[in-house]
Amino acid sequence: MIAKTPQPPYYAVIFTSERTEIKEGYEDTAERMLALAADQDGFLGIESAREEIGITVSYWRDLDSIRKWKMNTEHKQAQQKGRTEWYKNYKTRICLVERDYGLNA
């Protein structure tokens, strides 16, 4: 589903990843992180797709909201598990969205 975001400006955090073969706990943790992020002040929405490479884009009101999410205790634990078990490679990019438009925008 395409996230319903407000009028720009706002921020996008793009998390691109390549998974390991380890699956144990991943789906449950991903669902928990989505629920936890949705409760964070400044969270605007999320979009995700996975084939050979996974791409998750979360949308945030401002950089302070992103910083607070990054420092969330449960999120930090999930990040550590990702580094040691679930991902063989990943990249995080933070972008300012200045314009958005679409077919049904």
C-alpha atoms as a PDB file:
ATOM      1  CA  MET A   1       0.000   0.000   0.000  1.00  0.00           C
ATOM      2  CA  ILE A   2       1.246   3.486  -0.813  1.00  0.00           C
ATOM      3  CA  ALA A   3       1.582   5.669   2.282  1.00  0.00           C
ATOM      4  CA  LYS A   4      -0.656   8.717   2.542  1.00  0.00           C
ATOM      5  CA  THR A   5       1.832  11.450   3.329  1.00  0.00           C
ATOM      6  CA  PRO A   6       1.171  15.141   3.987  1.00  0.00           C
ATOM      7  CA  GLN A   7       2.231  17.972   1.741  1.00  0.00           C
ATOM      8  CA  PRO A   8       6.028  18.319   1.674  1.00  0.00           C
ATOM      9  CA  PRO A   9       8.420  19.016   3.153  1.00  0.00           C
ATOM     10  CA  TYR A  10       8.902  15.881   5.228  1.00  0.00           C
ATOM     11  CA  TYR A  11      11.611  13.231   5.446  1.00  0.00           C
ATOM     12  CA  ALA A  12      12.042   9.737   4.036  1.00  0.00           C
ATOM     13  CA  VAL A  13      14.292   7.088   5.565  1.00  0.00           C
ATOM     14  CA  ILE A  14      15.189   4.526   2.906  1.00  0.00           C
ATOM     15  CA  PHE A  15      16.431   1.195   4.275  1.00  0.00           C
ATOM     16  CA  THR A  16      17.778  -1.133   1.583  1.00  0.00           C
ATOM     17  CA  SER A  17      18.909  -4.612   2.581  1.00  0.00           C
ATOM     18  CA  GLU A  18      20.101  -8.040   1.533  1.00  0.00           C
ATOM     19  CA  ARG A  19      19.033 -10.837   3.888  1.00  0.00           C
ATOM     20  CA  THR A  20      20.938 -13.797   5.212  1.00  0.00           C
ATOM     21  CA  GLU A  21      19.340 -17.243   5.246  1.00  0.00           C
ATOM     22  CA  ILE A  22      18.368 -16.825   8.926  1.00  0.00           C
ATOM     23  CA  LYS A  23      14.615 -16.361   9.232  1.00  0.00           C
ATOM     24  CA  GLU A  24      13.995 -17.084  12.922  1.00  0.00           C
ATOM     25  CA  GLY A  25      12.362 -14.124  14.622  1.00  0.00           C
ATOM     26  CA  TYR A  26      12.592 -11.801  11.624  1.00  0.00           C
ATOM     27  CA  GLU A  27       8.895 -11.521  10.710  1.00  0.00           C
ATOM     28  CA  ASP A  28       7.758 -11.066  14.301  1.00  0.00           C
ATOM     29  CA  THR A  29      10.376  -8.385  14.862  1.00  0.00           C
ATOM     30  CA  ALA A  30       9.477  -6.608  11.620  1.00  0.00           C
ATOM     31  CA  GLU A  31       5.810  -6.517  12.652  1.00  0.00           C
ATOM     32  CA  ARG A  32       6.734  -5.240  16.114  1.00  0.00           C
ATOM     33  CA  MET A  33       8.954  -2.509  14.638  1.00  0.00           C
ATOM     34  CA  LEU A  34       6.120  -1.371  12.359  1.00  0.00           C
ATOM     35  CA  ALA A  35       3.706  -1.145  15.296  1.00  0.00           C
ATOM     36  CA  LEU A  36       6.284   0.611  17.446  1.00  0.00           C
ATOM     37  CA  ALA A  37       7.211   3.111  14.696  1.00  0.00           C
ATOM     38  CA  ALA A  38       3.552   3.886  14.048  1.00  0.00           C
ATOM     39  CA  ASP A  39       3.244   4.971  17.698  1.00  0.00           C
ATOM     40  CA  GLN A  40       6.240   7.315  17.471  1.00  0.00           C
ATOM     41  CA  ASP A  41       5.593  11.045  17.364  1.00  0.00           C
ATOM     42  CA  GLY A  42       6.365  12.292  13.860  1.00  0.00           C
ATOM     43  CA  PHE A  43       5.784   8.992  12.031  1.00  0.00           C
ATOM     44  CA  LEU A  44       3.869   9.569   8.773  1.00  0.00           C
ATOM     45  CA  GLY A  45       3.770   6.165   7.057  1.00  0.00           C
ATOM     46  CA  ILE A  46       5.741   3.315   5.537  1.00  0.00           C
ATOM     47  CA  GLU A  47       6.124   1.393   2.276  1.00  0.00           C
ATOM     48  CA  SER A  48       8.029  -1.855   1.842  1.00  0.00           C
ATOM     49  CA  ALA A  49       8.901  -4.367  -0.873  1.00  0.00           C
ATOM     50  CA  ARG A  50      11.132  -7.416  -0.907  1.00  0.00           C
ATOM     51  CA  GLU A  51      12.532  -9.510  -3.703  1.00  0.00           C
ATOM     52  CA  GLU A  52      16.268 -10.109  -3.908  1.00  0.00           C
ATOM     53  CA  ILE A  53      16.771  -6.719  -2.289  1.00  0.00           C
ATOM     54  CA  GLY A  54      14.427  -5.374   0.372  1.00  0.00           C
ATOM     55  CA  ILE A  55      13.485  -1.709   0.363  1.00  0.00           C
ATOM     56  CA  THR A  56      11.565  -0.078   3.184  1.00  0.00           C
ATOM     57  CA  VAL A  57      10.802   3.627   3.119  1.00  0.00           C
ATOM     58  CA  SER A  58       9.476   5.227   6.273  1.00  0.00           C
ATOM     59  CA  TYR A  59       8.229   8.810   6.289  1.00  0.00           C
ATOM     60  CA  TRP A  60       8.784  11.269   9.119  1.00  0.00           C
ATOM     61  CA  ARG A  61       7.774  14.808   9.996  1.00  0.00           C
ATOM     62  CA  ASP A  62      11.298  15.994  10.848  1.00  0.00           C
ATOM     63  CA  LEU A  63      14.868  14.950  11.646  1.00  0.00           C
ATOM     64  CA  ASP A  64      14.213  15.003  15.396  1.00  0.00           C
ATOM     65  CA  SER A  65      11.505  12.335  14.967  1.00  0.00           C
ATOM     66  CA  ILE A  66      13.979  10.177  13.023  1.00  0.00           C
ATOM     67  CA  ARG A  67      16.643  10.595  15.730  1.00  0.00           C
ATOM     68  CA  LYS A  68      14.201   9.583  18.447  1.00  0.00           C
ATOM     69  CA  TRP A  69      13.149   6.494  16.471  1.00  0.00           C
ATOM     70  CA  LYS A  70      16.781   5.496  15.919  1.00  0.00           C
ATOM     71  CA  MET A  71      17.394   5.733  19.683  1.00  0.00           C
ATOM     72  CA  ASN A  72      14.289   3.744  20.716  1.00  0.00           C
ATOM     73  CA  THR A  73      15.472   0.878  22.941  1.00  0.00           C
ATOM     74  CA  GLU A  74      13.520  -1.902  21.184  1.00  0.00           C
ATOM     75  CA  HIS A  75      14.518  -0.537  17.783  1.00  0.00           C
ATOM     76  CA  LYS A  76      18.192  -0.525  18.824  1.00  0.00           C
ATOM     77  CA  GLN A  77      17.880  -4.180  19.893  1.00  0.00           C
ATOM     78  CA  ALA A  78      16.334  -5.071  16.524  1.00  0.00           C
ATOM     79  CA  GLN A  79      19.115  -3.168  14.718  1.00  0.00           C
ATOM     80  CA  GLN A  80      21.728  -5.212  16.582  1.00  0.00           C
ATOM     81  CA  LYS A  81      19.990  -8.476  15.710  1.00  0.00           C
ATOM     82  CA  GLY A  82      19.837  -7.335  12.091  1.00  0.00           C
ATOM     83  CA  ARG A  83      23.578  -6.669  12.024  1.00  0.00           C
ATOM     84  CA  THR A  84      24.472 -10.016  13.585  1.00  0.00           C
ATOM     85  CA  GLU A  85      21.883 -12.359  12.059  1.00  0.00           C
ATOM     86  CA  TRP A  86      19.384 -11.128   9.459  1.00  0.00           C
ATOM     87  CA  TYR A  87      21.324  -8.897   7.054  1.00  0.00           C
ATOM     88  CA  LYS A  88      24.403  -9.584   5.026  1.00  0.00           C
ATOM     89  CA  ASN A  89      24.347  -6.014   3.715  1.00  0.00           C
ATOM     90  CA  TYR A  90      22.271  -2.895   4.242  1.00  0.00           C
ATOM     91  CA  LYS A  91      22.245   0.839   3.656  1.00  0.00           C
ATOM     92  CA  THR A  92      20.184   3.604   5.264  1.00  0.00           C
ATOM     93  CA  ARG A  93      19.576   6.901   3.515  1.00  0.00           C
ATOM     94  CA  ILE A  94      17.756   9.925   4.915  1.00  0.00           C
ATOM     95  CA  CYS A  95      16.213  12.317   2.398  1.00  0.00           C
ATOM     96  CA  LEU A  96      14.223  15.525   2.475  1.00  0.00           C
ATOM     97  CA  VAL A  97      11.084  15.162   0.358  1.00  0.00           C
ATOM     98  CA  GLU A  98      10.487  18.493  -1.367  1.00  0.00           C
ATOM     99  CA  ARG A  99       7.828  17.400  -3.845  1.00  0.00           C
ATOM    100  CA  ASP A 100       5.471  14.472  -4.212  1.00  0.00           C
ATOM    101  CA  TYR A 101       2.781  13.739  -6.758  1.00  0.00           C
ATOM    102  CA  GLY A 102       0.996  10.745  -8.200  1.00  0.00           C
ATOM    103  CA  LEU A 103      -1.993   9.369 -10.036  1.00  0.00           C
ATOM    104  CA  ASN A 104      -4.376   9.551  -7.068  1.00  0.00           C
ATOM    105  CA  ALA A 105      -2.540  12.202  -5.028  1.00  0.00           C
END
